[in-house]
Amino acid sequence: MKKILLIAIAITITACSSNLENLNKNTKDPDAVSGESLFTGAQKALVDQIVHINVNENNTKLWSQFLQETTYTDESNYDQVTRTIPENLWSAIYKDVLKDLDEASKVITKTTYTSPEDQNTNNKLMIIEIMKVYAYSHLVETFGNIPYSEALNIDILSPAYDDGLTIYKDLIDRLSTAVNSLDINNGSFTLEDNIYTGDVDAWRKFGNSLKLRMGMLLADVDNTFAQITVESAIADGIIMSSNDNTHIHYLTSAPNTHPVHNEVILSGRKDFIAGATLIDIMNTLKDPRRPLWFKTVNENYVGGEIGSPSSYSSHSSLSSQVTAADAPGVIMSYSEIQFLLAEGAARGYTTGDTAENHYKNGIISSILEWGGNNTDATDYLAQSTVDYNTLITTSTATTPWKEVIGTQKWISLFNRGPEAWTSIRIMDYPVLATPTEAVSGFPNRYTYPIVEQTINAANYNAASKAIGGDLAETKLFWDKF
């Protein structure tokens, strides 16, 4: 009887122990989440951040003077502090994007897949690597020196900041390795990839196109390195059609609708109108993209004065195409590639065509990408105010091609704040208005998150000194003019 009782107690204890172990399991532990799911979430978080219009997250459409705020104009006047915008961006990229991409790589590497899916593992890892490079490049282009070599090490609570140029060149090396390691004979992700649905060749073209973009960024700081990088990317195959544009496929229903739709339509607010800088230039050029991007006021396109409160009803607001729930969240386009090639050709790089022809292709493809037609594009290019050779001849700029290519590239990057802002910093065109109540000069960078001054003071101070001061006006290493 005693033996039976002891056995019963043992069984009970074992059962209780098993139940307690189950209760103590963290069902939200990353180990229980697939690497593919982590990749999906990080991919969307990255694109959301890039295309956002929310003033707590991304000010670059305002700083590029595409848009103007109607009532609360702090961000149009270059205020980064009130809403702690640098900290929000910093956290979004490091925590929601890079950390999850890093974890996705680890989980996928550990996962045992059955044949033939096991053959897709390397491509998945290389696509994740391409996305990591994109995310880090965005941080460098935004802040300058950043935590990099120690950034994702959970054992280092106060990571050192690495030199921006050193990071950037390392990212280009990583990108080349990742792209060259892709095998188009194998698959990768499927529906988990909301950009290319696992199309490996499309990812190869995007990777090379990103390499082209990054190479061009370095042209004024290391022209030889930039030329080698750019020509290598072109030779390996870049995006050569709008069909290969890199964008998230947003949906018509929440929570997967376009961030601009969320801020403009779902919020019910009337915070944004067209900026006068963009509208005035487009009106002068009789730009056929105006009705595709904006609504009219008494049959006219009217932009708000930069930095000043402006009546919503008296100015042009965003079109239904721009604010559509399922509008594409574009992070790379064929039109952008053509303008990058135009810049490369103007610098003397081998691009496969002339600067003039790339310039024309950039304009045509931008108009077509937004729903215009070939007649619109032909008529637009026929104007002396748009014709490449006429503008080059009549320009009074120190470097005429920067003004000519830079202005049209900026227009084509409408609704793509970060890239338009970067283009302005590289080309120095178009000439922007000074906001009526600007709290700083033109923001050449985001200032570091204020919290870094407290939790990572020594490294923050070293980084600030290295870049020339933690100021909005401080030019980054690649912005030489």
Protein backbone atom coordinates (compact mmCIF):
# COMPACT_ATOMS: atom_id res chain seq x y z
CA MET A 1 0.00 0.00 0.00
CA LYS A 2 2.87 2.34 0.95
CA LYS A 3 4.58 1.62 -2.42
CA ILE A 4 1.35 2.37 -4.30
CA LEU A 5 0.99 5.69 -2.43
CA LEU A 6 4.59 6.68 -3.20
CA ILE A 7 4.12 5.86 -6.89
CA ALA A 8 0.92 7.93 -6.97
CA ILE A 9 2.69 10.91 -5.35
CA ALA A 10 5.57 10.61 -7.81
CA ILE A 11 3.18 10.58 -10.75
CA THR A 12 1.36 13.61 -9.36
CA ILE A 13 4.60 15.55 -8.83
CA THR A 14 5.75 14.66 -12.36
CA ALA A 15 2.45 15.80 -13.83
CA CYS A 16 2.54 19.04 -11.83
CA SER A 17 6.13 19.68 -12.88
CA SER A 18 5.15 19.18 -16.51
CA ASN A 19 2.23 21.57 -16.15
CA LEU A 20 4.41 24.16 -14.43
CA GLU A 21 6.97 23.91 -17.23
CA ASN A 22 4.22 24.54 -19.76
CA LEU A 23 2.93 27.51 -17.78
CA ASN A 24 6.41 28.95 -17.54
CA LYS A 25 6.99 28.81 -21.30
CA ASN A 26 7.03 32.22 -22.93
CA THR A 27 4.74 31.79 -25.92
CA LYS A 28 6.00 35.06 -27.35
CA ASP A 29 9.64 34.03 -27.20
CA PRO A 30 11.38 34.66 -30.55
CA ASP A 31 12.34 30.97 -30.63
CA ALA A 32 8.64 30.22 -31.11
CA VAL A 33 8.35 32.66 -34.02
CA SER A 34 9.50 31.66 -37.48
CA GLY A 35 12.33 33.54 -39.11
CA GLU A 36 10.05 34.19 -42.05
CA SER A 37 7.51 35.97 -39.82
CA LEU A 38 10.23 38.11 -38.27
CA PHE A 39 11.39 39.05 -41.76
CA THR A 40 7.86 40.03 -42.80
CA GLY A 41 7.41 42.28 -39.79
CA ALA A 42 10.80 43.94 -40.16
CA GLN A 43 10.30 44.50 -43.87
CA LYS A 44 6.98 46.28 -43.30
CA ALA A 45 8.36 48.29 -40.38
CA LEU A 46 11.20 49.53 -42.58
CA VAL A 47 9.05 50.55 -45.53
CA ASP A 48 6.44 52.11 -43.23
CA GLN A 49 9.16 54.29 -41.72
CA ILE A 50 10.52 55.33 -45.11
CA VAL A 51 7.15 56.30 -46.66
CA HIS A 52 5.52 57.74 -43.52
CA ILE A 53 4.01 61.19 -43.35
CA ASN A 54 3.46 61.13 -39.57
CA VAL A 55 5.35 64.08 -38.07
CA ASN A 56 6.35 61.97 -35.08
CA GLU A 57 8.20 59.56 -37.36
CA ASN A 58 9.40 61.18 -40.58
CA ASN A 59 9.73 64.89 -41.46
CA THR A 60 11.49 64.53 -44.77
CA LYS A 61 8.49 65.24 -47.02
CA LEU A 62 8.18 68.55 -45.19
CA TRP A 63 11.92 69.26 -45.28
CA SER A 64 11.92 68.50 -49.02
CA GLN A 65 9.10 71.08 -49.24
CA PHE A 66 6.74 68.78 -51.07
CA LEU A 67 4.16 69.45 -48.37
CA GLN A 68 3.27 72.08 -45.78
CA GLU A 69 1.45 71.71 -42.48
CA THR A 70 -1.82 73.58 -42.06
CA THR A 71 -1.96 74.27 -38.32
CA TYR A 72 0.93 72.83 -36.33
CA THR A 73 3.97 74.01 -38.25
CA ASP A 74 6.85 73.04 -35.95
CA GLU A 75 8.22 70.36 -38.28
CA SER A 76 7.97 72.57 -41.38
CA ASN A 77 10.14 75.00 -39.43
CA TYR A 78 12.78 72.31 -38.84
CA ASP A 79 11.88 71.53 -35.21
CA GLN A 80 13.20 68.04 -34.40
CA VAL A 81 13.02 68.29 -30.62
CA THR A 82 9.39 68.86 -29.61
CA ARG A 83 8.24 65.44 -30.79
CA THR A 84 11.60 63.68 -30.16
CA ILE A 85 11.59 62.67 -33.82
CA PRO A 86 15.22 61.50 -34.02
CA GLU A 87 14.64 59.14 -31.10
CA ASN A 88 11.50 57.73 -32.73
CA LEU A 89 13.30 57.04 -36.01
CA TRP A 90 16.38 55.64 -34.25
CA SER A 91 14.25 53.25 -32.20
CA ALA A 92 12.14 52.17 -35.17
CA ILE A 93 15.15 51.21 -37.30
CA TYR A 94 17.30 49.63 -34.60
CA LYS A 95 14.55 47.87 -32.62
CA ASP A 96 11.76 47.13 -35.08
CA VAL A 97 13.87 46.56 -38.18
CA LEU A 98 17.51 45.63 -37.55
CA LYS A 99 16.93 43.63 -34.37
CA ASP A 100 14.17 41.59 -36.01
CA LEU A 101 16.16 41.08 -39.21
CA ASP A 102 19.11 39.89 -37.13
CA GLU A 103 16.87 37.50 -35.21
CA ALA A 104 15.28 36.30 -38.47
CA SER A 105 18.74 35.35 -39.76
CA LYS A 106 19.51 33.41 -36.59
CA VAL A 107 16.19 31.55 -36.55
CA ILE A 108 16.32 30.64 -40.25
CA THR A 109 19.91 29.44 -39.87
CA LYS A 110 18.87 27.16 -36.98
CA THR A 111 15.72 25.86 -38.67
CA THR A 112 15.79 22.44 -40.33
CA TYR A 113 13.78 22.59 -43.54
CA THR A 114 12.64 19.60 -45.56
CA SER A 115 13.68 19.13 -49.16
CA PRO A 116 13.38 21.01 -51.49
CA GLU A 117 12.72 24.02 -49.24
CA ASP A 118 16.10 23.56 -47.58
CA GLN A 119 17.71 24.74 -50.83
CA ASN A 120 16.14 28.19 -50.32
CA THR A 121 17.83 28.97 -47.01
CA ASN A 122 20.86 30.80 -48.39
CA ASN A 123 18.74 33.04 -50.61
CA LYS A 124 16.56 33.95 -47.63
CA LEU A 125 19.62 34.90 -45.61
CA MET A 126 21.05 37.00 -48.45
CA ILE A 127 17.76 38.87 -48.92
CA ILE A 128 17.73 39.62 -45.20
CA GLU A 129 21.31 40.87 -45.53
CA ILE A 130 20.26 43.22 -48.35
CA MET A 131 17.50 44.62 -46.14
CA LYS A 132 19.99 45.09 -43.29
CA VAL A 133 22.28 47.07 -45.59
CA TYR A 134 19.36 49.23 -46.69
CA ALA A 135 18.38 49.94 -43.07
CA TYR A 136 21.92 50.79 -41.96
CA SER A 137 22.52 52.98 -45.01
CA HIS A 138 19.38 54.94 -44.11
CA LEU A 139 20.71 55.52 -40.59
CA VAL A 140 24.11 56.70 -41.85
CA GLU A 141 22.50 59.02 -44.41
CA THR A 142 20.30 60.43 -41.64
CA PHE A 143 22.63 60.77 -38.64
CA GLY A 144 26.24 60.29 -39.81
CA ASN A 145 28.33 58.24 -37.38
CA ILE A 146 26.17 55.60 -35.68
CA PRO A 147 26.49 52.44 -33.55
CA TYR A 148 27.30 49.67 -36.02
CA SER A 149 29.90 47.08 -35.05
CA GLU A 150 28.49 46.84 -31.51
CA ALA A 151 24.92 47.87 -32.27
CA LEU A 152 23.10 44.53 -32.08
CA ASN A 153 25.21 42.96 -29.33
CA ILE A 154 22.81 42.56 -26.39
CA ASP A 155 25.75 42.33 -23.99
CA ILE A 156 26.89 45.87 -24.86
CA LEU A 157 24.52 48.42 -23.36
CA SER A 158 26.53 51.46 -24.47
CA PRO A 159 27.70 50.74 -28.02
CA ALA A 160 30.44 52.76 -29.64
CA TYR A 161 29.69 54.88 -32.70
CA ASP A 162 31.56 53.91 -35.86
CA ASP A 163 32.80 56.30 -38.54
CA GLY A 164 30.12 56.93 -41.16
CA LEU A 165 32.33 56.57 -44.24
CA THR A 166 33.89 53.37 -42.89
CA ILE A 167 30.43 51.94 -42.22
CA TYR A 168 29.17 52.93 -45.65
CA LYS A 169 32.03 51.28 -47.52
CA ASP A 170 31.63 48.15 -45.41
CA LEU A 171 27.91 48.11 -46.22
CA ILE A 172 28.73 48.24 -49.93
CA ASP A 173 31.08 45.27 -49.49
CA ARG A 174 28.37 43.37 -47.60
CA LEU A 175 25.86 44.23 -50.31
CA SER A 176 28.15 42.98 -53.08
CA THR A 177 28.70 39.70 -51.23
CA ALA A 178 24.99 39.21 -50.62
CA VAL A 179 23.97 39.94 -54.21
CA ASN A 180 26.69 37.72 -55.63
CA SER A 181 25.60 34.90 -53.31
CA LEU A 182 22.01 34.87 -54.56
CA ASP A 183 21.18 31.81 -56.66
CA ILE A 184 18.37 32.47 -59.13
CA ASN A 185 17.99 28.72 -59.68
CA ASN A 186 16.61 28.35 -56.14
CA GLY A 187 13.67 29.94 -54.38
CA SER A 188 13.54 32.04 -51.23
CA PHE A 189 10.59 33.48 -49.36
CA THR A 190 7.10 33.24 -50.80
CA LEU A 191 4.13 35.16 -49.41
CA GLU A 192 6.25 36.26 -46.43
CA ASP A 193 7.97 38.70 -48.80
CA ASN A 194 5.61 41.63 -49.42
CA ILE A 195 7.96 43.31 -51.87
CA TYR A 196 8.97 40.72 -54.48
CA THR A 197 7.19 37.56 -53.22
CA GLY A 198 10.55 35.81 -53.13
CA ASP A 199 11.60 36.60 -56.71
CA VAL A 200 15.36 36.10 -56.36
CA ASP A 201 16.27 37.82 -59.63
CA ALA A 202 14.23 40.87 -58.64
CA TRP A 203 16.10 41.00 -55.34
CA ARG A 204 19.37 40.76 -57.26
CA LYS A 205 18.40 43.80 -59.35
CA PHE A 206 17.32 45.72 -56.26
CA GLY A 207 20.58 44.90 -54.48
CA ASN A 208 22.62 46.17 -57.42
CA SER A 209 20.40 49.26 -57.71
CA LEU A 210 20.94 49.99 -54.02
CA LYS A 211 24.67 49.60 -54.65
CA LEU A 212 24.38 52.11 -57.51
CA ARG A 213 22.57 54.58 -55.24
CA MET A 214 25.10 54.16 -52.44
CA GLY A 215 28.01 54.50 -54.85
CA MET A 216 26.66 57.77 -56.24
CA LEU A 217 26.32 59.14 -52.70
CA LEU A 218 30.11 58.89 -52.29
CA ALA A 219 31.00 60.63 -55.57
CA ASP A 220 32.06 63.91 -53.95
CA VAL A 221 34.06 62.28 -51.15
CA ASP A 222 35.79 59.39 -52.98
CA ASN A 223 35.15 59.63 -56.69
CA THR A 224 37.35 56.68 -57.69
CA PHE A 225 35.65 54.33 -55.24
CA ALA A 226 32.25 55.68 -56.28
CA GLN A 227 32.90 55.12 -59.98
CA ILE A 228 34.10 51.54 -59.44
CA THR A 229 31.04 50.82 -57.28
CA VAL A 230 28.58 52.35 -59.73
CA GLU A 231 30.00 50.71 -62.84
CA SER A 232 30.17 47.35 -61.06
CA ALA A 233 26.50 47.61 -60.06
CA ILE A 234 25.47 48.47 -63.62
CA ALA A 235 27.46 45.56 -65.05
CA ASP A 236 25.85 43.11 -62.62
CA GLY A 237 22.32 44.17 -63.54
CA ILE A 238 20.14 46.93 -62.09
CA ILE A 239 16.44 47.79 -62.28
CA MET A 240 15.73 48.58 -65.94
CA SER A 241 11.94 48.69 -65.93
CA SER A 242 9.21 50.17 -63.76
CA ASN A 243 7.86 46.63 -63.49
CA ASP A 244 10.80 45.91 -61.18
CA ASN A 245 10.18 48.85 -58.83
CA THR A 246 10.79 48.03 -55.18
CA HIS A 247 7.66 48.57 -53.12
CA ILE A 248 5.44 47.08 -50.44
CA HIS A 249 2.05 45.94 -51.69
CA TYR A 250 -0.26 47.61 -49.17
CA LEU A 251 -3.85 46.41 -48.86
CA THR A 252 -7.26 48.09 -48.93
CA SER A 253 -8.10 47.19 -45.34
CA ALA A 254 -6.46 48.01 -42.00
CA PRO A 255 -3.99 47.35 -40.47
CA ASN A 256 -2.05 46.89 -43.71
CA THR A 257 -3.00 50.11 -45.47
CA HIS A 258 -0.49 52.72 -46.68
CA PRO A 259 0.81 55.01 -43.89
CA VAL A 260 -0.18 58.13 -45.88
CA HIS A 261 -3.74 56.79 -46.10
CA ASN A 262 -3.72 56.22 -42.35
CA GLU A 263 -2.58 59.77 -41.59
CA VAL A 264 -4.71 61.60 -44.14
CA ILE A 265 -7.87 59.53 -44.60
CA LEU A 266 -8.35 57.25 -41.59
CA SER A 267 -7.36 59.96 -39.12
CA GLY A 268 -9.96 62.35 -40.52
CA ARG A 269 -7.47 65.18 -40.06
CA LYS A 270 -6.55 67.93 -42.51
CA ASP A 271 -2.93 68.50 -41.56
CA PHE A 272 -1.17 68.56 -44.94
CA ILE A 273 -1.36 70.55 -48.16
CA ALA A 274 0.97 70.99 -51.11
CA GLY A 275 4.09 73.03 -50.41
CA ALA A 276 4.53 76.24 -52.38
CA THR A 277 8.07 75.29 -53.40
CA LEU A 278 6.90 72.23 -55.32
CA ILE A 279 3.68 73.72 -56.68
CA ASP A 280 5.32 76.92 -57.94
CA ILE A 281 7.96 74.96 -59.85
CA MET A 282 5.40 72.53 -61.28
CA ASN A 283 3.09 75.38 -62.31
CA THR A 284 5.95 77.13 -64.11
CA LEU A 285 6.79 73.91 -65.96
CA LYS A 286 3.13 73.02 -66.63
CA ASP A 287 3.95 69.66 -65.10
CA PRO A 288 1.46 66.91 -66.12
CA ARG A 289 1.89 65.19 -62.74
CA ARG A 290 0.00 67.93 -60.89
CA PRO A 291 -3.47 66.34 -61.25
CA LEU A 292 -2.02 62.96 -60.34
CA TRP A 293 -0.68 64.27 -57.04
CA PHE A 294 -2.94 67.14 -55.99
CA LYS A 295 -6.47 68.50 -56.06
CA THR A 296 -7.24 71.93 -57.47
CA VAL A 297 -8.69 74.98 -55.73
CA ASN A 298 -10.93 76.92 -58.14
CA GLU A 299 -9.17 75.05 -60.97
CA ASN A 300 -5.74 76.19 -59.78
CA TYR A 301 -2.91 74.41 -58.01
CA VAL A 302 -2.02 76.37 -54.89
CA GLY A 303 0.75 75.60 -52.42
CA GLY A 304 1.07 76.75 -48.82
CA GLU A 305 3.85 79.12 -47.77
CA ILE A 306 6.64 77.09 -46.21
CA GLY A 307 6.62 77.37 -42.42
CA SER A 308 3.34 79.29 -42.15
CA PRO A 309 -0.10 78.04 -41.03
CA SER A 310 -2.26 77.62 -44.12
CA SER A 311 -5.96 77.11 -44.71
CA TYR A 312 -6.70 73.58 -45.88
CA SER A 313 -9.60 74.64 -48.10
CA SER A 314 -7.61 77.40 -49.82
CA HIS A 315 -4.72 75.18 -50.89
CA SER A 316 -4.23 72.03 -52.94
CA SER A 317 -4.49 68.84 -50.92
CA LEU A 318 -3.25 65.37 -51.79
CA SER A 319 -5.04 63.44 -54.53
CA SER A 320 -7.00 60.24 -54.00
CA GLN A 321 -4.23 58.38 -55.84
CA VAL A 322 -1.58 59.51 -53.36
CA THR A 323 -3.80 58.78 -50.34
CA ALA A 324 -5.16 55.42 -51.56
CA ALA A 325 -5.15 52.62 -48.99
CA ASP A 326 -3.35 50.29 -51.39
CA ALA A 327 -0.94 52.82 -52.90
CA PRO A 328 2.50 51.24 -53.36
CA GLY A 329 5.09 52.01 -50.70
CA VAL A 330 8.01 52.70 -53.04
CA ILE A 331 11.62 52.59 -51.84
CA MET A 332 13.33 52.26 -55.24
CA SER A 333 12.06 53.04 -58.73
CA TYR A 334 13.20 52.87 -62.34
CA SER A 335 12.80 56.65 -62.65
CA GLU A 336 15.17 57.18 -59.71
CA ILE A 337 17.68 54.78 -61.27
CA GLN A 338 17.64 56.78 -64.51
CA PHE A 339 18.36 60.02 -62.68
CA LEU A 340 21.21 58.35 -60.79
CA LEU A 341 22.59 57.17 -64.12
CA ALA A 342 22.20 60.69 -65.52
CA GLU A 343 24.31 61.98 -62.64
CA GLY A 344 26.86 59.22 -63.20
CA ALA A 345 27.11 59.99 -66.91
CA ALA A 346 27.50 63.71 -66.15
CA ARG A 347 30.43 62.81 -63.89
CA GLY A 348 32.05 60.79 -66.68
CA TYR A 349 31.12 57.30 -65.51
CA THR A 350 30.29 54.55 -67.99
CA THR A 351 26.52 54.12 -67.72
CA GLY A 352 25.49 52.83 -71.13
CA ASP A 353 24.00 56.13 -72.36
CA THR A 354 24.32 59.90 -72.19
CA ALA A 355 23.30 62.09 -69.27
CA GLU A 356 20.66 63.68 -71.52
CA ASN A 357 19.03 60.37 -72.43
CA HIS A 358 19.02 59.11 -68.84
CA TYR A 359 17.48 62.45 -67.81
CA LYS A 360 14.74 62.04 -70.41
CA ASN A 361 14.12 58.44 -69.39
CA GLY A 362 13.84 59.51 -65.76
CA ILE A 363 11.18 62.09 -66.56
CA ILE A 364 9.22 59.82 -68.90
CA SER A 365 9.20 56.88 -66.51
CA SER A 366 8.17 59.08 -63.58
CA ILE A 367 5.18 60.41 -65.51
CA LEU A 368 4.20 56.91 -66.64
CA GLU A 369 4.70 55.40 -63.17
CA TRP A 370 2.13 57.83 -61.79
CA GLY A 371 -0.41 57.13 -64.53
CA GLY A 372 0.41 59.79 -67.11
CA ASN A 373 0.88 58.94 -70.78
CA ASN A 374 3.55 59.25 -73.46
CA THR A 375 1.93 62.33 -74.97
CA ASP A 376 2.13 64.07 -71.60
CA ALA A 377 5.81 63.16 -71.37
CA THR A 378 6.65 64.19 -74.95
CA ASP A 379 4.94 67.58 -74.62
CA TYR A 380 6.63 68.20 -71.28
CA LEU A 381 10.11 67.41 -72.59
CA ALA A 382 9.57 69.63 -75.64
CA GLN A 383 9.47 72.75 -73.46
CA SER A 384 12.63 74.85 -73.32
CA THR A 385 12.17 74.97 -69.54
CA VAL A 386 12.61 71.17 -69.41
CA ASP A 387 14.88 70.44 -72.40
CA TYR A 388 18.22 69.18 -71.10
CA ASN A 389 20.59 70.88 -73.54
CA THR A 390 18.79 74.22 -73.35
CA LEU A 391 18.93 74.21 -69.57
CA ILE A 392 22.60 73.17 -69.45
CA THR A 393 23.48 76.02 -71.82
CA THR A 394 21.50 78.69 -69.98
CA SER A 395 22.18 77.62 -66.38
CA THR A 396 24.20 80.03 -64.26
CA ALA A 397 24.96 77.36 -61.65
CA THR A 398 28.57 76.48 -60.86
CA THR A 399 27.79 72.91 -61.95
CA PRO A 400 24.89 73.19 -64.43
CA TRP A 401 24.08 69.47 -64.55
CA LYS A 402 23.51 69.46 -60.79
CA GLU A 403 20.81 72.09 -61.18
CA VAL A 404 19.21 70.50 -64.24
CA ILE A 405 19.27 66.86 -63.13
CA GLY A 406 18.79 67.72 -59.46
CA THR A 407 15.58 69.67 -60.00
CA GLN A 408 13.86 67.02 -62.10
CA LYS A 409 15.11 64.21 -59.88
CA TRP A 410 13.62 66.00 -56.86
CA ILE A 411 10.26 66.37 -58.60
CA SER A 412 10.26 62.68 -59.54
CA LEU A 413 10.94 61.71 -55.92
CA PHE A 414 7.66 63.27 -54.77
CA ASN A 415 6.15 61.37 -51.82
CA ARG A 416 9.53 59.74 -51.17
CA GLY A 417 10.84 62.02 -48.46
CA PRO A 418 14.16 60.43 -47.41
CA GLU A 419 15.48 60.07 -50.96
CA ALA A 420 14.33 63.54 -51.99
CA TRP A 421 15.98 65.04 -48.89
CA THR A 422 19.20 63.17 -49.69
CA SER A 423 19.09 64.32 -53.32
CA ILE A 424 18.78 67.94 -52.19
CA ARG A 425 21.82 67.53 -49.95
CA ILE A 426 23.88 65.99 -52.78
CA MET A 427 22.78 68.19 -55.69
CA ASP A 428 21.99 71.41 -53.78
CA TYR A 429 18.97 71.89 -56.05
CA PRO A 430 16.31 73.03 -56.21
CA VAL A 431 16.84 76.11 -54.07
CA LEU A 432 14.40 75.79 -51.19
CA ALA A 433 12.48 78.49 -49.35
CA THR A 434 13.54 79.52 -45.85
CA PRO A 435 10.64 78.61 -43.53
CA THR A 436 9.00 81.65 -41.96
CA GLU A 437 9.82 80.61 -38.37
CA ALA A 438 12.78 78.26 -38.87
CA VAL A 439 14.43 77.15 -35.63
CA SER A 440 17.63 76.15 -37.44
CA GLY A 441 19.31 76.33 -40.79
CA PHE A 442 18.44 73.67 -43.36
CA PRO A 443 18.63 70.29 -41.59
CA ASN A 444 21.50 68.40 -43.18
CA ARG A 445 20.98 65.61 -40.67
CA TYR A 446 18.81 64.43 -37.82
CA THR A 447 20.37 65.27 -34.47
CA TYR A 448 21.15 62.29 -32.24
CA PRO A 449 18.39 61.14 -29.86
CA ILE A 450 18.49 63.19 -26.66
CA VAL A 451 18.38 60.00 -24.60
CA GLU A 452 21.82 59.05 -25.98
CA GLN A 453 23.31 61.98 -24.03
CA THR A 454 22.28 60.20 -20.84
CA ILE A 455 22.52 56.47 -21.43
CA ASN A 456 25.53 56.51 -23.77
CA ALA A 457 27.18 59.83 -22.93
CA ALA A 458 30.85 59.04 -23.59
CA ASN A 459 30.19 57.52 -27.00
CA TYR A 460 27.67 60.24 -27.86
CA ASN A 461 30.19 62.96 -27.04
CA ALA A 462 32.90 61.28 -29.10
CA ALA A 463 30.58 60.87 -32.09
CA SER A 464 29.33 64.45 -31.87
CA LYS A 465 32.89 65.76 -31.87
CA ALA A 466 33.91 63.48 -34.74
CA ILE A 467 31.18 64.73 -37.10
CA GLY A 468 31.68 68.41 -36.24
CA GLY A 469 28.91 68.88 -33.69
CA ASP A 470 25.50 67.36 -33.02
CA LEU A 471 23.66 70.07 -34.92
CA ALA A 472 21.01 69.94 -37.61
CA GLU A 473 23.18 72.09 -39.87
CA THR A 474 26.26 69.84 -39.63
CA LYS A 475 27.03 68.42 -43.06
CA LEU A 476 27.71 64.70 -43.19
CA PHE A 477 30.88 63.18 -44.62
CA TRP A 478 29.47 62.78 -48.15
CA ASP A 479 27.91 66.25 -48.37
CA LYS A 480 30.91 68.28 -49.53
CA PHE A 481 29.28 71.26 -51.26
